[in-house]
């Protein structure tokens, strides 16, 4: 059940509640009160009105509760499906994907890092700067560990990433060329992050490095 259908069902159930309150109130005033409590005082009137309201709300409340549970279950299934889909895409791509913490340490690397001879879990906890194999390493780090989002984020930045020392690649290919995109990860949306004076919390950086298969591609980014 999507949010639209659940909202429509909620409106119907609330309408049903109002209808039942009206029916029970009319029945009470016209017949039931005189038959059941001919000498009813003000206290009994209040009690009867409360009872009518509760009776009118029980069935719709149960229906709404069941609908809400069903809606939550459907959402969990959808989220699980999307999570598996994105995980499959991330694990299948040849692009290197790194998630960094606020200090630039790797907290996630996808299996594509095997291109460099690493196992993905080996890089966790290492600083992204440790992978850079270039004379301009210090100048490159601010572009990679960036807080910026949107148009101000890092795009197509040329880097050389070091191959694993324990890999057979290391002796023959000490580093591989990539172009890297990097964007800050915030708890808030990009719109809020790009608005001056708003409260926001920086939680890390997402980096995507694409192998340079053609030298001309790297020259186009300069």
N, C-alpha and C. Protein backbone atom coordinates (compact mmCIF):
# COMPACT_ATOMS: atom_id res chain seq x y z
N UNK A 1 0.85 -1.19 0.00
CA UNK A 1 0.00 0.00 0.00
C UNK A 1 0.88 1.24 0.00
N UNK A 2 0.70 2.14 -0.98
CA UNK A 2 1.50 3.35 -1.02
C UNK A 2 0.89 4.42 -0.12
N UNK A 3 1.62 5.54 0.04
CA UNK A 3 1.16 6.58 0.97
C UNK A 3 -0.16 7.19 0.52
N UNK A 4 -0.37 7.31 -0.81
CA UNK A 4 -1.60 7.90 -1.31
C UNK A 4 -2.81 7.06 -0.99
N UNK A 5 -2.73 5.74 -1.23
CA UNK A 5 -3.86 4.86 -0.94
C UNK A 5 -4.11 4.78 0.56
N UNK A 6 -3.04 4.78 1.36
CA UNK A 6 -3.22 4.74 2.81
C UNK A 6 -3.91 6.02 3.30
N UNK A 7 -3.54 7.17 2.74
CA UNK A 7 -4.19 8.43 3.13
C UNK A 7 -5.66 8.40 2.77
N UNK A 8 -6.00 7.90 1.58
CA UNK A 8 -7.40 7.83 1.17
C UNK A 8 -8.18 6.90 2.10
N UNK A 9 -7.55 5.78 2.46
CA UNK A 9 -8.23 4.84 3.36
C UNK A 9 -8.44 5.46 4.74
N UNK A 10 -7.47 6.25 5.20
CA UNK A 10 -7.60 6.92 6.49
C UNK A 10 -8.77 7.89 6.47
N UNK A 11 -8.93 8.64 5.37
CA UNK A 11 -10.03 9.59 5.25
C UNK A 11 -11.37 8.85 5.28
N UNK A 12 -11.44 7.72 4.57
CA UNK A 12 -12.67 6.92 4.56
C UNK A 12 -13.01 6.43 5.96
N UNK A 13 -12.00 5.95 6.69
CA UNK A 13 -12.25 5.43 8.05
C UNK A 13 -12.68 6.54 9.00
N UNK A 14 -12.10 7.72 8.86
CA UNK A 14 -12.51 8.85 9.70
C UNK A 14 -13.95 9.26 9.37
N UNK A 15 -14.28 9.22 8.07
CA UNK A 15 -15.65 9.52 7.68
C UNK A 15 -16.63 8.49 8.24
N UNK A 16 -16.21 7.23 8.23
CA UNK A 16 -17.04 6.17 8.80
C UNK A 16 -17.24 6.39 10.30
N UNK A 17 -16.20 6.83 10.98
CA UNK A 17 -16.31 7.10 12.42
C UNK A 17 -17.34 8.19 12.70
N UNK A 18 -17.29 9.26 11.92
CA UNK A 18 -18.25 10.35 12.10
C UNK A 18 -19.67 9.86 11.83
N UNK A 19 -19.80 9.03 10.78
CA UNK A 19 -21.11 8.47 10.44
C UNK A 19 -21.66 7.60 11.58
N UNK A 20 -20.80 6.74 12.13
CA UNK A 20 -21.24 5.87 13.22
C UNK A 20 -21.60 6.65 14.47
N UNK A 21 -20.82 7.71 14.76
CA UNK A 21 -21.15 8.57 15.91
C UNK A 21 -22.54 9.17 15.73
N UNK A 22 -22.82 9.63 14.51
CA UNK A 22 -24.13 10.22 14.24
C UNK A 22 -25.26 9.22 14.39
N UNK A 23 -25.06 8.01 13.85
CA UNK A 23 -26.10 6.98 13.94
C UNK A 23 -26.35 6.58 15.39
N UNK A 24 -25.29 6.31 16.14
CA UNK A 24 -25.44 5.89 17.53
C UNK A 24 -26.03 6.99 18.40
N UNK A 25 -25.62 8.23 18.14
CA UNK A 25 -26.16 9.36 18.91
C UNK A 25 -27.65 9.53 18.65
N UNK A 26 -28.04 9.41 17.38
CA UNK A 26 -29.46 9.54 17.03
C UNK A 26 -30.29 8.42 17.66
N UNK A 27 -29.74 7.18 17.59
CA UNK A 27 -30.45 6.04 18.19
C UNK A 27 -30.58 6.23 19.69
N UNK A 28 -29.53 6.74 20.32
CA UNK A 28 -29.56 6.94 21.78
C UNK A 28 -30.61 7.97 22.17
N UNK A 29 -30.62 9.08 21.45
CA UNK A 29 -31.55 10.16 21.80
C UNK A 29 -33.00 9.78 21.51
N UNK A 30 -33.22 9.05 20.43
CA UNK A 30 -34.59 8.79 20.00
C UNK A 30 -35.22 7.55 20.63
N UNK A 31 -34.41 6.59 21.08
CA UNK A 31 -35.02 5.34 21.53
C UNK A 31 -34.31 4.69 22.70
N UNK A 32 -32.99 4.46 22.54
CA UNK A 32 -32.26 3.67 23.52
C UNK A 32 -32.25 4.31 24.90
N UNK A 33 -32.08 5.62 24.98
CA UNK A 33 -31.99 6.28 26.28
C UNK A 33 -33.27 6.09 27.08
N UNK A 34 -34.40 6.27 26.42
CA UNK A 34 -35.67 6.16 27.13
C UNK A 34 -35.94 4.73 27.57
N UNK A 35 -35.53 3.76 26.75
CA UNK A 35 -35.79 2.37 27.09
C UNK A 35 -34.85 1.84 28.16
N UNK A 36 -33.58 2.19 28.05
CA UNK A 36 -32.57 1.61 28.95
C UNK A 36 -32.43 2.41 30.24
N UNK A 37 -32.49 3.71 30.16
CA UNK A 37 -32.26 4.56 31.34
C UNK A 37 -33.32 5.66 31.38
N UNK A 38 -34.53 5.34 31.75
CA UNK A 38 -35.61 6.34 31.76
C UNK A 38 -35.35 7.48 32.75
N UNK A 39 -34.58 7.22 33.77
CA UNK A 39 -34.29 8.25 34.77
C UNK A 39 -32.84 8.74 34.68
N UNK A 40 -32.26 8.69 33.49
CA UNK A 40 -30.83 9.03 33.33
C UNK A 40 -30.57 10.48 33.70
N UNK A 41 -29.51 10.69 34.51
CA UNK A 41 -29.12 12.03 34.90
C UNK A 41 -27.98 12.54 34.02
N UNK A 42 -27.42 13.73 34.36
CA UNK A 42 -26.33 14.32 33.56
C UNK A 42 -25.10 13.42 33.48
N UNK A 43 -24.79 12.72 34.60
CA UNK A 43 -23.62 11.84 34.59
C UNK A 43 -23.78 10.71 33.60
N UNK A 44 -24.99 10.16 33.54
CA UNK A 44 -25.24 9.08 32.60
C UNK A 44 -25.18 9.59 31.17
N UNK A 45 -25.60 10.81 30.94
CA UNK A 45 -25.54 11.41 29.60
C UNK A 45 -24.08 11.49 29.13
N UNK A 46 -23.21 11.95 30.00
CA UNK A 46 -21.79 12.06 29.66
C UNK A 46 -21.21 10.68 29.38
N UNK A 47 -21.54 9.73 30.27
CA UNK A 47 -21.03 8.36 30.09
C UNK A 47 -21.50 7.78 28.77
N UNK A 48 -22.75 7.99 28.44
CA UNK A 48 -23.30 7.45 27.20
C UNK A 48 -22.63 8.07 25.98
N UNK A 49 -22.39 9.36 26.03
CA UNK A 49 -21.74 10.03 24.90
C UNK A 49 -20.31 9.53 24.69
N UNK A 50 -19.61 9.34 25.80
CA UNK A 50 -18.24 8.82 25.71
C UNK A 50 -18.25 7.40 25.15
N UNK A 51 -19.19 6.59 25.63
CA UNK A 51 -19.31 5.20 25.17
C UNK A 51 -19.62 5.14 23.68
N UNK A 52 -20.52 6.02 23.23
CA UNK A 52 -20.86 6.07 21.80
C UNK A 52 -19.64 6.41 20.97
N UNK A 53 -18.86 7.39 21.44
CA UNK A 53 -17.67 7.80 20.72
C UNK A 53 -16.66 6.66 20.63
N UNK A 54 -16.47 5.95 21.75
CA UNK A 54 -15.51 4.84 21.76
C UNK A 54 -15.95 3.71 20.84
N UNK A 55 -17.25 3.38 20.89
CA UNK A 55 -17.76 2.32 20.03
C UNK A 55 -17.61 2.68 18.56
N UNK A 56 -17.82 3.95 18.24
CA UNK A 56 -17.72 4.38 16.85
C UNK A 56 -16.28 4.37 16.35
N UNK A 57 -15.32 4.49 17.28
CA UNK A 57 -13.91 4.58 16.88
C UNK A 57 -13.22 3.23 16.85
N UNK A 58 -13.78 2.22 17.53
CA UNK A 58 -13.07 0.94 17.65
C UNK A 58 -12.80 0.31 16.30
N UNK A 59 -13.83 0.10 15.50
CA UNK A 59 -13.65 -0.59 14.22
C UNK A 59 -12.73 0.19 13.27
N UNK A 60 -12.96 1.49 13.06
CA UNK A 60 -12.04 2.23 12.19
C UNK A 60 -10.60 2.24 12.72
N UNK A 61 -10.44 2.31 14.06
CA UNK A 61 -9.09 2.34 14.62
C UNK A 61 -8.35 1.04 14.34
N UNK A 62 -9.06 -0.09 14.48
CA UNK A 62 -8.45 -1.39 14.20
C UNK A 62 -8.07 -1.49 12.72
N UNK A 63 -8.97 -1.01 11.85
CA UNK A 63 -8.70 -1.06 10.41
C UNK A 63 -7.51 -0.19 10.05
N UNK A 64 -7.45 1.02 10.63
CA UNK A 64 -6.33 1.93 10.37
C UNK A 64 -5.02 1.33 10.86
N UNK A 65 -5.06 0.71 12.04
CA UNK A 65 -3.85 0.08 12.60
C UNK A 65 -3.34 -1.03 11.68
N UNK A 66 -4.26 -1.88 11.22
CA UNK A 66 -3.85 -2.96 10.33
C UNK A 66 -3.30 -2.40 9.02
N UNK A 67 -3.93 -1.34 8.53
CA UNK A 67 -3.44 -0.72 7.30
C UNK A 67 -2.05 -0.13 7.48
N UNK A 68 -1.81 0.49 8.65
CA UNK A 68 -0.49 1.08 8.92
C UNK A 68 0.59 0.01 8.98
N UNK A 69 0.27 -1.12 9.64
CA UNK A 69 1.23 -2.23 9.73
C UNK A 69 1.53 -2.77 8.34
N UNK A 70 0.47 -2.91 7.52
CA UNK A 70 0.66 -3.41 6.16
C UNK A 70 1.51 -2.44 5.34
N UNK A 71 1.26 -1.14 5.54
CA UNK A 71 2.02 -0.12 4.82
C UNK A 71 3.49 -0.16 5.20
N UNK A 72 3.78 -0.31 6.50
CA UNK A 72 5.16 -0.39 6.97
C UNK A 72 5.87 -1.63 6.42
N UNK A 73 5.15 -2.74 6.38
CA UNK A 73 5.73 -3.97 5.83
C UNK A 73 6.07 -3.81 4.36
N UNK A 74 5.15 -3.17 3.62
CA UNK A 74 5.39 -2.93 2.19
C UNK A 74 6.61 -2.03 1.99
N UNK A 75 6.73 -1.00 2.85
CA UNK A 75 7.87 -0.09 2.75
C UNK A 75 9.18 -0.82 3.04
N UNK A 76 9.16 -1.70 4.04
CA UNK A 76 10.37 -2.45 4.38
C UNK A 76 10.79 -3.35 3.22
N UNK A 77 9.80 -3.95 2.55
CA UNK A 77 10.10 -4.81 1.40
C UNK A 77 10.70 -3.98 0.27
N UNK A 78 10.12 -2.79 0.02
CA UNK A 78 10.62 -1.92 -1.05
C UNK A 78 12.04 -1.44 -0.75
N UNK A 79 12.27 -1.05 0.51
CA UNK A 79 13.61 -0.59 0.89
C UNK A 79 14.62 -1.72 0.76
N UNK A 80 14.24 -2.92 1.19
CA UNK A 80 15.14 -4.07 1.07
C UNK A 80 15.46 -4.38 -0.38
N UNK A 81 14.44 -4.27 -1.26
CA UNK A 81 14.66 -4.53 -2.68
C UNK A 81 15.59 -3.49 -3.28
N UNK A 82 15.38 -2.21 -2.94
CA UNK A 82 16.24 -1.15 -3.46
C UNK A 82 17.66 -1.31 -2.95
N UNK A 83 17.80 -1.68 -1.67
CA UNK A 83 19.12 -1.86 -1.07
C UNK A 83 19.90 -2.95 -1.80
N UNK A 84 19.22 -4.07 -2.06
CA UNK A 84 19.88 -5.17 -2.78
C UNK A 84 20.24 -4.76 -4.21
N UNK A 85 19.36 -3.96 -4.83
CA UNK A 85 19.61 -3.52 -6.20
C UNK A 85 20.84 -2.62 -6.27
N UNK A 86 20.90 -1.62 -5.36
CA UNK A 86 22.04 -0.71 -5.35
C UNK A 86 23.33 -1.44 -4.96
N UNK A 87 23.22 -2.39 -4.04
CA UNK A 87 24.40 -3.15 -3.63
C UNK A 87 24.94 -3.95 -4.81
N UNK A 88 24.04 -4.53 -5.60
CA UNK A 88 24.46 -5.29 -6.77
C UNK A 88 25.17 -4.40 -7.77
N UNK A 89 24.63 -3.19 -7.99
CA UNK A 89 25.24 -2.24 -8.93
C UNK A 89 26.62 -1.83 -8.44
N UNK A 90 26.73 -1.48 -7.16
CA UNK A 90 28.00 -1.02 -6.59
C UNK A 90 29.06 -2.11 -6.67
N UNK A 91 28.64 -3.35 -6.40
CA UNK A 91 29.61 -4.45 -6.40
C UNK A 91 29.99 -4.89 -7.81
N UNK A 92 29.12 -4.61 -8.79
CA UNK A 92 29.37 -5.06 -10.15
C UNK A 92 30.17 -4.04 -10.98
N UNK A 93 30.15 -2.76 -10.57
CA UNK A 93 30.80 -1.73 -11.37
C UNK A 93 32.33 -1.86 -11.33
N UNK A 94 32.98 -1.40 -12.39
CA UNK A 94 34.44 -1.37 -12.44
C UNK A 94 35.01 -0.09 -11.83
N UNK A 95 34.13 0.85 -11.50
CA UNK A 95 34.58 2.08 -10.85
C UNK A 95 34.88 1.81 -9.38
N UNK A 96 35.95 2.43 -8.89
CA UNK A 96 36.30 2.30 -7.48
C UNK A 96 35.43 3.27 -6.68
N UNK A 97 34.79 2.77 -5.64
CA UNK A 97 33.92 3.60 -4.81
C UNK A 97 34.42 3.55 -3.37
N UNK A 98 34.71 4.73 -2.84
CA UNK A 98 35.18 4.85 -1.46
C UNK A 98 34.23 5.74 -0.68
N UNK A 99 33.93 5.33 0.54
CA UNK A 99 33.26 6.23 1.47
C UNK A 99 34.25 6.57 2.57
N UNK A 100 34.47 7.86 2.77
CA UNK A 100 35.44 8.33 3.75
C UNK A 100 34.73 8.93 4.95
N UNK A 101 35.39 8.86 6.13
CA UNK A 101 34.83 9.55 7.28
C UNK A 101 35.28 11.01 7.24
N UNK A 102 35.01 11.76 8.28
CA UNK A 102 35.32 13.19 8.28
C UNK A 102 36.81 13.48 8.27
N UNK A 103 37.63 12.48 8.61
CA UNK A 103 39.09 12.66 8.63
C UNK A 103 39.75 12.14 7.36
N UNK A 104 38.95 11.60 6.45
CA UNK A 104 39.51 11.08 5.20
C UNK A 104 39.90 9.61 5.26
N UNK A 105 39.49 8.91 6.33
CA UNK A 105 39.78 7.48 6.44
C UNK A 105 38.69 6.68 5.73
N UNK A 106 39.10 5.60 5.09
CA UNK A 106 38.17 4.77 4.33
C UNK A 106 37.32 3.93 5.28
N UNK A 107 36.01 4.06 5.15
CA UNK A 107 35.10 3.22 5.95
C UNK A 107 34.37 2.23 5.05
N UNK A 108 34.47 2.42 3.74
CA UNK A 108 33.91 1.44 2.81
C UNK A 108 34.65 1.54 1.47
N UNK A 109 34.96 0.39 0.89
CA UNK A 109 35.53 0.32 -0.45
C UNK A 109 34.86 -0.83 -1.17
N UNK A 110 34.40 -0.61 -2.38
CA UNK A 110 33.70 -1.67 -3.10
C UNK A 110 34.70 -2.68 -3.69
N UNK A 111 34.22 -3.83 -4.14
CA UNK A 111 35.13 -4.88 -4.62
C UNK A 111 36.00 -4.47 -5.82
N UNK A 112 35.68 -3.36 -6.49
CA UNK A 112 36.47 -2.94 -7.64
C UNK A 112 37.90 -2.57 -7.26
N UNK A 113 38.19 -2.38 -5.96
CA UNK A 113 39.56 -2.07 -5.54
C UNK A 113 40.50 -3.24 -5.80
N UNK A 114 39.95 -4.39 -6.14
CA UNK A 114 40.80 -5.52 -6.50
C UNK A 114 41.59 -5.23 -7.77
N UNK A 115 41.14 -4.23 -8.53
CA UNK A 115 41.89 -3.78 -9.69
C UNK A 115 43.28 -3.31 -9.28
N UNK A 116 43.38 -2.82 -8.05
CA UNK A 116 44.67 -2.36 -7.51
C UNK A 116 45.38 -3.46 -6.73
N UNK A 117 44.75 -4.63 -6.64
CA UNK A 117 45.35 -5.74 -5.91
C UNK A 117 44.93 -5.83 -4.47
N UNK A 118 43.98 -4.98 -4.04
CA UNK A 118 43.52 -4.99 -2.65
C UNK A 118 42.24 -5.80 -2.51
N UNK A 119 42.04 -6.38 -1.33
CA UNK A 119 40.73 -6.86 -0.95
C UNK A 119 39.99 -5.67 -0.34
N UNK A 120 38.69 -5.59 -0.58
CA UNK A 120 37.95 -4.40 -0.18
C UNK A 120 38.00 -4.12 1.32
N UNK A 121 38.03 -5.18 2.17
CA UNK A 121 38.03 -4.94 3.61
C UNK A 121 39.40 -4.54 4.15
N UNK A 122 40.46 -4.75 3.37
CA UNK A 122 41.81 -4.43 3.82
C UNK A 122 42.01 -2.92 3.93
N UNK A 123 41.30 -2.16 3.13
CA UNK A 123 41.51 -0.71 3.09
C UNK A 123 40.75 0.04 4.19
N UNK A 124 39.84 -0.63 4.86
CA UNK A 124 39.06 0.05 5.90
C UNK A 124 39.98 0.55 7.01
N UNK A 125 39.82 1.83 7.34
CA UNK A 125 40.62 2.44 8.39
C UNK A 125 41.86 3.16 7.87
N UNK A 126 42.22 2.92 6.61
CA UNK A 126 43.38 3.60 6.04
C UNK A 126 42.98 4.96 5.48
N UNK A 127 43.91 5.89 5.53
CA UNK A 127 43.64 7.22 4.99
C UNK A 127 43.71 7.18 3.47
N UNK A 128 42.81 7.89 2.81
CA UNK A 128 42.78 7.87 1.36
C UNK A 128 44.09 8.39 0.77
N UNK A 129 44.78 9.25 1.51
CA UNK A 129 46.06 9.78 1.05
C UNK A 129 47.13 8.71 0.90
N UNK A 130 46.96 7.60 1.65
CA UNK A 130 47.94 6.50 1.56
C UNK A 130 47.90 5.83 0.19
N UNK A 131 46.81 5.99 -0.54
CA UNK A 131 46.68 5.36 -1.85
C UNK A 131 47.20 6.24 -2.99
N UNK A 132 47.44 7.50 -2.68
CA UNK A 132 47.88 8.41 -3.73
C UNK A 132 49.36 8.18 -4.05
N UNK A 133 49.67 8.07 -5.35
CA UNK A 133 51.03 7.82 -5.82
C UNK A 133 51.36 8.90 -6.83
N UNK A 134 51.68 10.09 -6.30
CA UNK A 134 51.88 11.23 -7.18
C UNK A 134 52.63 12.33 -6.43
N UNK A 135 53.37 13.13 -7.18
CA UNK A 135 54.15 14.21 -6.58
C UNK A 135 53.25 15.30 -6.00
N UNK A 136 52.07 15.45 -6.56
CA UNK A 136 51.14 16.50 -6.11
C UNK A 136 50.15 15.98 -5.07
N UNK A 137 50.57 14.98 -4.32
CA UNK A 137 49.69 14.33 -3.35
C UNK A 137 49.07 15.32 -2.36
N UNK A 138 49.89 16.18 -1.77
CA UNK A 138 49.39 17.11 -0.76
C UNK A 138 48.37 18.08 -1.35
N UNK A 139 48.59 18.47 -2.59
CA UNK A 139 47.64 19.38 -3.24
C UNK A 139 46.36 18.67 -3.63
N UNK A 140 46.45 17.36 -3.88
CA UNK A 140 45.28 16.60 -4.32
C UNK A 140 44.33 16.27 -3.18
N UNK A 141 44.85 16.08 -1.98
CA UNK A 141 44.02 15.62 -0.86
C UNK A 141 42.81 16.53 -0.59
N UNK A 142 42.95 17.87 -0.58
CA UNK A 142 41.76 18.71 -0.34
C UNK A 142 40.68 18.54 -1.39
N UNK A 143 41.07 18.21 -2.62
CA UNK A 143 40.08 18.00 -3.68
C UNK A 143 39.33 16.68 -3.47
N UNK A 144 40.00 15.71 -2.84
CA UNK A 144 39.40 14.39 -2.63
C UNK A 144 38.58 14.37 -1.34
N UNK A 145 39.16 14.87 -0.25
CA UNK A 145 38.42 14.92 1.02
C UNK A 145 37.67 16.24 1.06
N UNK A 146 36.66 16.34 0.25
CA UNK A 146 35.92 17.59 0.12
C UNK A 146 34.58 17.54 0.85
N UNK A 147 34.15 18.70 1.30
CA UNK A 147 32.83 18.82 1.92
C UNK A 147 31.81 19.35 0.92
N UNK A 148 32.29 19.74 -0.24
CA UNK A 148 31.42 20.41 -1.21
C UNK A 148 30.47 19.44 -1.89
N UNK A 149 29.31 19.97 -2.30
CA UNK A 149 28.30 19.18 -3.00
C UNK A 149 27.86 19.94 -4.24
N UNK A 150 27.12 19.27 -5.08
CA UNK A 150 26.58 19.92 -6.27
C UNK A 150 27.67 20.37 -7.23
N UNK A 151 27.47 21.52 -7.88
CA UNK A 151 28.44 22.01 -8.87
C UNK A 151 29.82 22.30 -8.29
N UNK A 152 29.91 22.52 -6.96
CA UNK A 152 31.18 22.87 -6.34
C UNK A 152 31.96 21.63 -5.88
N UNK A 153 31.40 20.46 -6.07
CA UNK A 153 32.11 19.23 -5.71
C UNK A 153 33.26 18.98 -6.70
N UNK A 154 34.03 17.95 -6.46
CA UNK A 154 35.18 17.61 -7.31
C UNK A 154 34.74 16.68 -8.44
N UNK A 155 35.12 17.02 -9.67
CA UNK A 155 34.78 16.20 -10.82
C UNK A 155 36.00 15.98 -11.71
N UNK A 156 36.15 14.74 -12.17
CA UNK A 156 37.20 14.39 -13.15
C UNK A 156 38.59 14.85 -12.71
N UNK A 157 38.87 14.66 -11.43
CA UNK A 157 40.19 15.06 -10.92
C UNK A 157 41.18 13.91 -11.19
N UNK A 158 42.29 14.19 -11.91
CA UNK A 158 43.25 13.13 -12.24
C UNK A 158 44.07 12.70 -11.03
N UNK A 159 44.09 11.40 -10.78
CA UNK A 159 44.88 10.86 -9.67
C UNK A 159 45.57 9.57 -10.11
N UNK A 160 46.62 9.23 -9.39
CA UNK A 160 47.27 7.93 -9.56
C UNK A 160 47.15 7.20 -8.22
N UNK A 161 46.55 6.02 -8.26
CA UNK A 161 46.34 5.24 -7.05
C UNK A 161 47.32 4.08 -7.00
N UNK A 162 47.91 3.94 -5.84
CA UNK A 162 48.97 2.96 -5.63
C UNK A 162 48.41 1.53 -5.61
N UNK A 163 49.10 0.61 -6.27
CA UNK A 163 48.71 -0.80 -6.21
C UNK A 163 49.22 -1.41 -4.90
N UNK A 164 48.61 -2.51 -4.52
CA UNK A 164 48.94 -3.17 -3.25
C UNK A 164 50.37 -3.71 -3.27
N UNK A 165 51.11 -3.42 -2.20
CA UNK A 165 52.51 -3.89 -2.10
C UNK A 165 52.60 -5.41 -2.10
N UNK A 166 51.57 -6.09 -1.62
CA UNK A 166 51.58 -7.55 -1.54
C UNK A 166 51.09 -8.20 -2.83
N UNK A 167 50.72 -7.38 -3.79
CA UNK A 167 50.19 -7.91 -5.04
C UNK A 167 51.30 -8.07 -6.08
N UNK A 168 51.10 -8.99 -7.01
CA UNK A 168 52.07 -9.17 -8.10
C UNK A 168 52.09 -7.95 -9.01
N UNK A 169 51.04 -7.14 -8.93
CA UNK A 169 50.98 -5.92 -9.74
C UNK A 169 52.05 -4.92 -9.33
N UNK A 170 52.34 -4.88 -8.05
CA UNK A 170 53.17 -3.82 -7.49
C UNK A 170 54.52 -3.66 -8.17
N UNK A 171 55.19 -4.76 -8.48
CA UNK A 171 56.53 -4.68 -9.07
C UNK A 171 56.49 -4.21 -10.52
N UNK A 172 55.39 -4.50 -11.21
CA UNK A 172 55.30 -4.13 -12.62
C UNK A 172 54.51 -2.84 -12.84
N UNK A 173 53.45 -2.67 -12.04
CA UNK A 173 52.61 -1.47 -12.17
C UNK A 173 52.44 -0.86 -10.78
N UNK A 174 53.28 0.08 -10.41
CA UNK A 174 53.21 0.66 -9.06
C UNK A 174 51.95 1.49 -8.82
N UNK A 175 51.36 2.01 -9.90
CA UNK A 175 50.16 2.84 -9.74
C UNK A 175 49.34 2.79 -11.03
N UNK A 176 48.06 3.08 -10.90
CA UNK A 176 47.14 3.12 -12.04
C UNK A 176 46.46 4.48 -12.06
N UNK A 177 46.27 5.02 -13.26
CA UNK A 177 45.67 6.33 -13.41
C UNK A 177 44.14 6.25 -13.37
N UNK A 178 43.55 7.24 -12.69
CA UNK A 178 42.09 7.34 -12.58
C UNK A 178 41.69 8.81 -12.71
N UNK A 179 40.42 9.03 -12.99
CA UNK A 179 39.82 10.35 -12.78
C UNK A 179 38.79 10.17 -11.68
N UNK A 180 38.79 11.10 -10.73
CA UNK A 180 37.97 10.91 -9.52
C UNK A 180 36.94 12.01 -9.36
N UNK A 181 35.75 11.61 -8.96
CA UNK A 181 34.70 12.53 -8.51
C UNK A 181 34.59 12.37 -7.00
N UNK A 182 34.40 13.49 -6.31
CA UNK A 182 34.27 13.45 -4.84
C UNK A 182 33.23 14.47 -4.40
N UNK A 183 32.39 14.06 -3.47
CA UNK A 183 31.32 14.94 -2.99
C UNK A 183 31.11 14.70 -1.50
N UNK A 184 30.85 15.77 -0.77
CA UNK A 184 30.61 15.66 0.66
C UNK A 184 29.31 14.93 0.96
N UNK A 185 29.31 14.21 2.08
CA UNK A 185 28.10 13.53 2.55
C UNK A 185 27.62 14.25 3.81
N UNK A 186 26.39 14.70 3.79
CA UNK A 186 25.81 15.43 4.90
C UNK A 186 24.53 14.75 5.35
N UNK A 187 24.15 14.99 6.58
CA UNK A 187 22.88 14.45 7.07
C UNK A 187 21.70 15.15 6.40
N UNK A 188 21.93 16.38 5.93
CA UNK A 188 20.87 17.15 5.32
C UNK A 188 20.92 17.04 3.79
N UNK A 189 19.89 17.52 3.13
CA UNK A 189 19.85 17.50 1.67
C UNK A 189 20.83 18.51 1.08
N UNK A 190 21.17 18.34 -0.20
CA UNK A 190 22.10 19.25 -0.86
C UNK A 190 21.58 20.68 -0.82
N UNK A 191 20.27 20.85 -0.93
CA UNK A 191 19.70 22.20 -0.91
C UNK A 191 19.99 22.90 0.40
N UNK A 192 19.83 22.17 1.51
CA UNK A 192 20.10 22.75 2.83
C UNK A 192 21.59 23.03 2.97
N UNK A 193 22.42 22.11 2.51
CA UNK A 193 23.88 22.27 2.63
C UNK A 193 24.36 23.51 1.88
N UNK A 194 23.76 23.78 0.73
CA UNK A 194 24.20 24.90 -0.10
C UNK A 194 23.57 26.24 0.30
N UNK A 195 22.71 26.21 1.33
CA UNK A 195 22.09 27.44 1.80
C UNK A 195 22.87 27.99 2.99
N UNK A 196 23.32 29.22 2.88
CA UNK A 196 24.11 29.84 3.95
C UNK A 196 23.28 30.00 5.22
N UNK A 197 23.95 29.80 6.36
CA UNK A 197 23.33 30.03 7.65
C UNK A 197 22.47 28.89 8.17
N UNK A 198 22.39 27.78 7.44
CA UNK A 198 21.58 26.65 7.90
C UNK A 198 22.41 25.71 8.77
N UNK A 199 21.72 25.01 9.67
CA UNK A 199 22.37 24.02 10.52
C UNK A 199 22.60 22.74 9.70
N UNK A 200 23.82 22.23 9.69
CA UNK A 200 24.11 21.03 8.91
C UNK A 200 25.25 20.25 9.56
N UNK A 201 25.26 18.95 9.27
CA UNK A 201 26.26 18.07 9.88
C UNK A 201 26.98 17.28 8.80
N UNK A 202 28.28 17.51 8.69
CA UNK A 202 29.12 16.80 7.72
C UNK A 202 29.50 15.44 8.28
N UNK A 203 29.31 14.37 7.49
CA UNK A 203 29.60 13.03 8.00
C UNK A 203 30.64 12.27 7.17
N UNK A 204 31.10 12.87 6.08
CA UNK A 204 32.13 12.18 5.30
C UNK A 204 32.12 12.59 3.84
N UNK A 205 32.80 11.79 3.02
CA UNK A 205 32.93 12.08 1.59
C UNK A 205 32.74 10.80 0.79
N UNK A 206 32.09 10.93 -0.35
CA UNK A 206 31.93 9.80 -1.28
C UNK A 206 32.83 10.06 -2.49
N UNK A 207 33.68 9.08 -2.81
CA UNK A 207 34.61 9.21 -3.93
C UNK A 207 34.35 8.09 -4.94
N UNK A 208 34.34 8.46 -6.21
CA UNK A 208 34.20 7.49 -7.30
C UNK A 208 35.35 7.70 -8.27
N UNK A 209 36.18 6.68 -8.44
CA UNK A 209 37.36 6.77 -9.32
C UNK A 209 37.18 5.86 -10.52
N UNK A 210 37.29 6.45 -11.71
CA UNK A 210 37.13 5.69 -12.95
C UNK A 210 38.50 5.47 -13.60
N UNK A 211 38.81 4.25 -13.99
CA UNK A 211 40.11 3.98 -14.61
C UNK A 211 40.26 4.76 -15.91
N UNK A 212 41.46 5.29 -16.14
CA UNK A 212 41.75 6.00 -17.39
C UNK A 212 42.25 4.97 -18.40
N UNK A 213 41.37 4.58 -19.29
CA UNK A 213 41.74 3.57 -20.29
C UNK A 213 42.37 4.21 -21.52
N UNK A 214 42.19 5.51 -21.64
CA UNK A 214 42.73 6.23 -22.78
C UNK A 214 43.41 7.49 -22.26
N UNK A 215 44.65 7.67 -22.60
CA UNK A 215 45.39 8.86 -22.13
C UNK A 215 44.70 10.14 -22.56
N UNK A 216 44.02 10.10 -23.70
CA UNK A 216 43.35 11.29 -24.21
C UNK A 216 42.24 11.75 -23.25
N UNK A 217 41.61 10.80 -22.55
CA UNK A 217 40.56 11.16 -21.59
C UNK A 217 41.11 12.00 -20.47
N UNK A 218 42.29 11.63 -19.98
CA UNK A 218 42.91 12.38 -18.90
C UNK A 218 43.29 13.78 -19.38
N UNK A 219 43.78 13.90 -20.61
CA UNK A 219 44.17 15.19 -21.14
C UNK A 219 42.97 16.11 -21.34
N UNK A 220 41.80 15.53 -21.62
CA UNK A 220 40.59 16.32 -21.81
C UNK A 220 40.15 16.98 -20.50
N UNK A 221 40.50 16.39 -19.34
CA UNK A 221 40.08 16.92 -18.03
C UNK A 221 41.00 18.04 -17.54
N UNK A 222 42.16 18.22 -18.17
CA UNK A 222 43.10 19.24 -17.72
C UNK A 222 42.60 20.65 -18.08
